[in-house]
Amino acid sequence: MIRINNARLKRLREKMYLTESYVAGLLNCPIERYQLIEGGRLTVTDEELQTLSLLFGINEQHLITEEIKSTEILARTHKELTENDERQIAEFLNFQKMLKKNIKKELSVR
């Protein structure tokens, strides 16, 4: 049995305008079981995790983990990064955001 990020599960379901009963039907479980899963009081089976990841079009790990840092996603091997590496990646990401804002600003002036 696997504990998932229930808050993320609920956000994903609501974002896709799906009902609890619809998702429970896809999982082939009673709605009460799904409500307990989404409420964080029950774990899921491997099969349920796979079905949920397919439904939402995301990696199974995304439902399991609490939070994924953007530096981890960018590097894919976070454990091998030094603090300095993380800082440089974060600075680069911030630079990209600033650049994107400036480009949008310039385009809106024209």
C-alpha atoms as a PDB file:
ATOM      1  CA  MET A   1       0.000   0.000   0.000  1.00  0.00           C
ATOM      2  CA  ILE A   2       1.245   3.449  -0.938  1.00  0.00           C
ATOM      3  CA  ARG A   3       0.560   6.773   0.761  1.00  0.00           C
ATOM      4  CA  ILE A   4      -0.104   9.517  -1.767  1.00  0.00           C
ATOM      5  CA  ASN A   5      -0.256  13.285  -1.557  1.00  0.00           C
ATOM      6  CA  ASN A   6      -3.986  13.570  -0.944  1.00  0.00           C
ATOM      7  CA  ALA A   7      -4.096  17.369  -1.329  1.00  0.00           C
ATOM      8  CA  ARG A   8      -2.492  17.094  -4.759  1.00  0.00           C
ATOM      9  CA  LEU A   9      -4.910  14.308  -5.700  1.00  0.00           C
ATOM     10  CA  LYS A  10      -7.889  16.489  -4.798  1.00  0.00           C
ATOM     11  CA  ARG A  11      -6.488  19.513  -6.681  1.00  0.00           C
ATOM     12  CA  LEU A  12      -5.913  17.405  -9.804  1.00  0.00           C
ATOM     13  CA  ARG A  13      -9.420  15.940  -9.659  1.00  0.00           C
ATOM     14  CA  GLU A  14     -11.031  19.340  -9.163  1.00  0.00           C
ATOM     15  CA  LYS A  15      -8.889  20.935 -11.870  1.00  0.00           C
ATOM     16  CA  MET A  16     -10.259  18.368 -14.338  1.00  0.00           C
ATOM     17  CA  TYR A  17     -13.824  18.889 -13.044  1.00  0.00           C
ATOM     18  CA  LEU A  18     -14.148  15.216 -12.136  1.00  0.00           C
ATOM     19  CA  THR A  19     -16.466  14.001  -9.404  1.00  0.00           C
ATOM     20  CA  GLU A  20     -15.382  11.726  -6.600  1.00  0.00           C
ATOM     21  CA  SER A  21     -17.843   9.106  -7.830  1.00  0.00           C
ATOM     22  CA  TYR A  22     -16.359   9.205 -11.346  1.00  0.00           C
ATOM     23  CA  VAL A  23     -12.822   8.623 -10.065  1.00  0.00           C
ATOM     24  CA  ALA A  24     -14.074   5.923  -7.669  1.00  0.00           C
ATOM     25  CA  GLY A  25     -15.698   4.198 -10.649  1.00  0.00           C
ATOM     26  CA  LEU A  26     -12.430   4.238 -12.572  1.00  0.00           C
ATOM     27  CA  LEU A  27     -10.676   2.774  -9.551  1.00  0.00           C
ATOM     28  CA  ASN A  28     -13.436   0.190  -9.277  1.00  0.00           C
ATOM     29  CA  CYS A  29     -13.977   1.018  -5.602  1.00  0.00           C
ATOM     30  CA  PRO A  30     -16.845   2.403  -3.531  1.00  0.00           C
ATOM     31  CA  ILE A  31     -17.023   6.197  -3.338  1.00  0.00           C
ATOM     32  CA  GLU A  32     -16.495   5.968   0.417  1.00  0.00           C
ATOM     33  CA  ARG A  33     -13.110   4.316  -0.139  1.00  0.00           C
ATOM     34  CA  TYR A  34     -12.094   7.015  -2.616  1.00  0.00           C
ATOM     35  CA  GLN A  35     -13.160   9.741  -0.179  1.00  0.00           C
ATOM     36  CA  LEU A  36     -10.954   8.166   2.485  1.00  0.00           C
ATOM     37  CA  ILE A  37      -8.036   8.051   0.019  1.00  0.00           C
ATOM     38  CA  GLU A  38      -8.533  11.678  -0.993  1.00  0.00           C
ATOM     39  CA  GLY A  39      -8.935  12.604   2.656  1.00  0.00           C
ATOM     40  CA  GLY A  40      -5.538  11.066   3.435  1.00  0.00           C
ATOM     41  CA  ARG A  41      -6.924   8.348   5.689  1.00  0.00           C
ATOM     42  CA  LEU A  42      -6.279   5.385   3.351  1.00  0.00           C
ATOM     43  CA  THR A  43      -3.373   4.303   1.189  1.00  0.00           C
ATOM     44  CA  VAL A  44      -3.669   3.124  -2.420  1.00  0.00           C
ATOM     45  CA  THR A  45      -2.656  -0.094  -4.131  1.00  0.00           C
ATOM     46  CA  ASP A  46      -0.089  -0.175  -6.935  1.00  0.00           C
ATOM     47  CA  GLU A  47      -2.937  -0.644  -9.412  1.00  0.00           C
ATOM     48  CA  GLU A  48      -4.879   2.344  -8.048  1.00  0.00           C
ATOM     49  CA  LEU A  49      -1.749   4.512  -8.209  1.00  0.00           C
ATOM     50  CA  GLN A  50      -1.193   3.492 -11.822  1.00  0.00           C
ATOM     51  CA  THR A  51      -4.821   4.238 -12.735  1.00  0.00           C
ATOM     52  CA  LEU A  52      -4.691   7.672 -11.067  1.00  0.00           C
ATOM     53  CA  SER A  53      -1.442   8.602 -12.800  1.00  0.00           C
ATOM     54  CA  LEU A  54      -2.906   7.610 -16.170  1.00  0.00           C
ATOM     55  CA  LEU A  55      -6.114   9.521 -15.465  1.00  0.00           C
ATOM     56  CA  PHE A  56      -4.284  12.733 -14.608  1.00  0.00           C
ATOM     57  CA  GLY A  57      -1.508  12.239 -17.162  1.00  0.00           C
ATOM     58  CA  ILE A  58       1.259  12.494 -14.591  1.00  0.00           C
ATOM     59  CA  ASN A  59       4.106  10.380 -13.310  1.00  0.00           C
ATOM     60  CA  GLU A  60       3.215   8.120 -10.368  1.00  0.00           C
ATOM     61  CA  GLN A  61       5.986   9.742  -8.345  1.00  0.00           C
ATOM     62  CA  HIS A  62       4.199  13.090  -8.632  1.00  0.00           C
ATOM     63  CA  LEU A  63       1.291  11.648  -6.639  1.00  0.00           C
ATOM     64  CA  ILE A  64       3.572  10.144  -4.008  1.00  0.00           C
ATOM     65  CA  THR A  65       5.980  12.960  -3.219  1.00  0.00           C
ATOM     66  CA  GLU A  66       5.127  16.002  -1.189  1.00  0.00           C
ATOM     67  CA  GLU A  67       6.900  18.603  -3.253  1.00  0.00           C
ATOM     68  CA  ILE A  68       9.333  18.497  -6.148  1.00  0.00           C
ATOM     69  CA  LYS A  69      11.844  21.334  -6.283  1.00  0.00           C
ATOM     70  CA  SER A  70      12.323  22.875  -9.703  1.00  0.00           C
ATOM     71  CA  THR A  71      16.053  22.307  -9.287  1.00  0.00           C
ATOM     72  CA  GLU A  72      15.413  18.577  -8.855  1.00  0.00           C
ATOM     73  CA  ILE A  73      13.319  18.452 -11.999  1.00  0.00           C
ATOM     74  CA  LEU A  74      15.918  20.369 -13.976  1.00  0.00           C
ATOM     75  CA  ALA A  75      18.854  18.248 -12.856  1.00  0.00           C
ATOM     76  CA  ARG A  76      17.031  14.906 -12.441  1.00  0.00           C
ATOM     77  CA  THR A  77      19.760  13.793 -10.013  1.00  0.00           C
ATOM     78  CA  HIS A  78      19.300  16.063  -7.035  1.00  0.00           C
ATOM     79  CA  LYS A  79      21.379  13.905  -4.672  1.00  0.00           C
ATOM     80  CA  GLU A  80      24.468  14.607  -6.746  1.00  0.00           C
ATOM     81  CA  LEU A  81      24.055  18.384  -6.638  1.00  0.00           C
ATOM     82  CA  THR A  82      26.022  20.537  -4.240  1.00  0.00           C
ATOM     83  CA  GLU A  83      24.448  23.534  -2.517  1.00  0.00           C
ATOM     84  CA  ASN A  84      26.302  25.742  -4.957  1.00  0.00           C
ATOM     85  CA  ASP A  85      24.839  23.794  -7.911  1.00  0.00           C
ATOM     86  CA  GLU A  86      21.331  24.244  -6.495  1.00  0.00           C
ATOM     87  CA  ARG A  87      21.926  27.981  -5.984  1.00  0.00           C
ATOM     88  CA  GLN A  88      23.199  28.424  -9.545  1.00  0.00           C
ATOM     89  CA  ILE A  89      20.240  26.525 -10.997  1.00  0.00           C
ATOM     90  CA  ALA A  90      17.813  28.609  -8.921  1.00  0.00           C
ATOM     91  CA  GLU A  91      19.521  31.806 -10.097  1.00  0.00           C
ATOM     92  CA  PHE A  92      19.273  30.622 -13.698  1.00  0.00           C
ATOM     93  CA  LEU A  93      15.563  29.869 -13.303  1.00  0.00           C
ATOM     94  CA  ASN A  94      14.982  33.304 -11.794  1.00  0.00           C
ATOM     95  CA  PHE A  95      16.910  34.875 -14.673  1.00  0.00           C
ATOM     96  CA  GLN A  96      14.681  33.034 -17.150  1.00  0.00           C
ATOM     97  CA  LYS A  97      11.550  34.297 -15.393  1.00  0.00           C
ATOM     98  CA  MET A  98      12.847  37.878 -15.435  1.00  0.00           C
ATOM     99  CA  LEU A  99      13.773  37.581 -19.105  1.00  0.00           C
ATOM    100  CA  LYS A 100      10.318  36.259 -19.965  1.00  0.00           C
ATOM    101  CA  LYS A 101       8.672  39.187 -18.129  1.00  0.00           C
ATOM    102  CA  ASN A 102      10.881  41.702 -19.934  1.00  0.00           C
ATOM    103  CA  ILE A 103      10.125  40.188 -23.327  1.00  0.00           C
ATOM    104  CA  LYS A 104       6.364  40.277 -22.645  1.00  0.00           C
ATOM    105  CA  LYS A 105       6.674  43.863 -21.442  1.00  0.00           C
ATOM    106  CA  GLU A 106       8.544  44.928 -24.587  1.00  0.00           C
ATOM    107  CA  LEU A 107       6.067  43.179 -26.852  1.00  0.00           C
ATOM    108  CA  SER A 108       3.124  44.890 -25.157  1.00  0.00           C
ATOM    109  CA  VAL A 109       4.736  48.331 -25.679  1.00  0.00           C
ATOM    110  CA  ARG A 110       5.001  47.785 -29.452  1.00  0.00           C
END
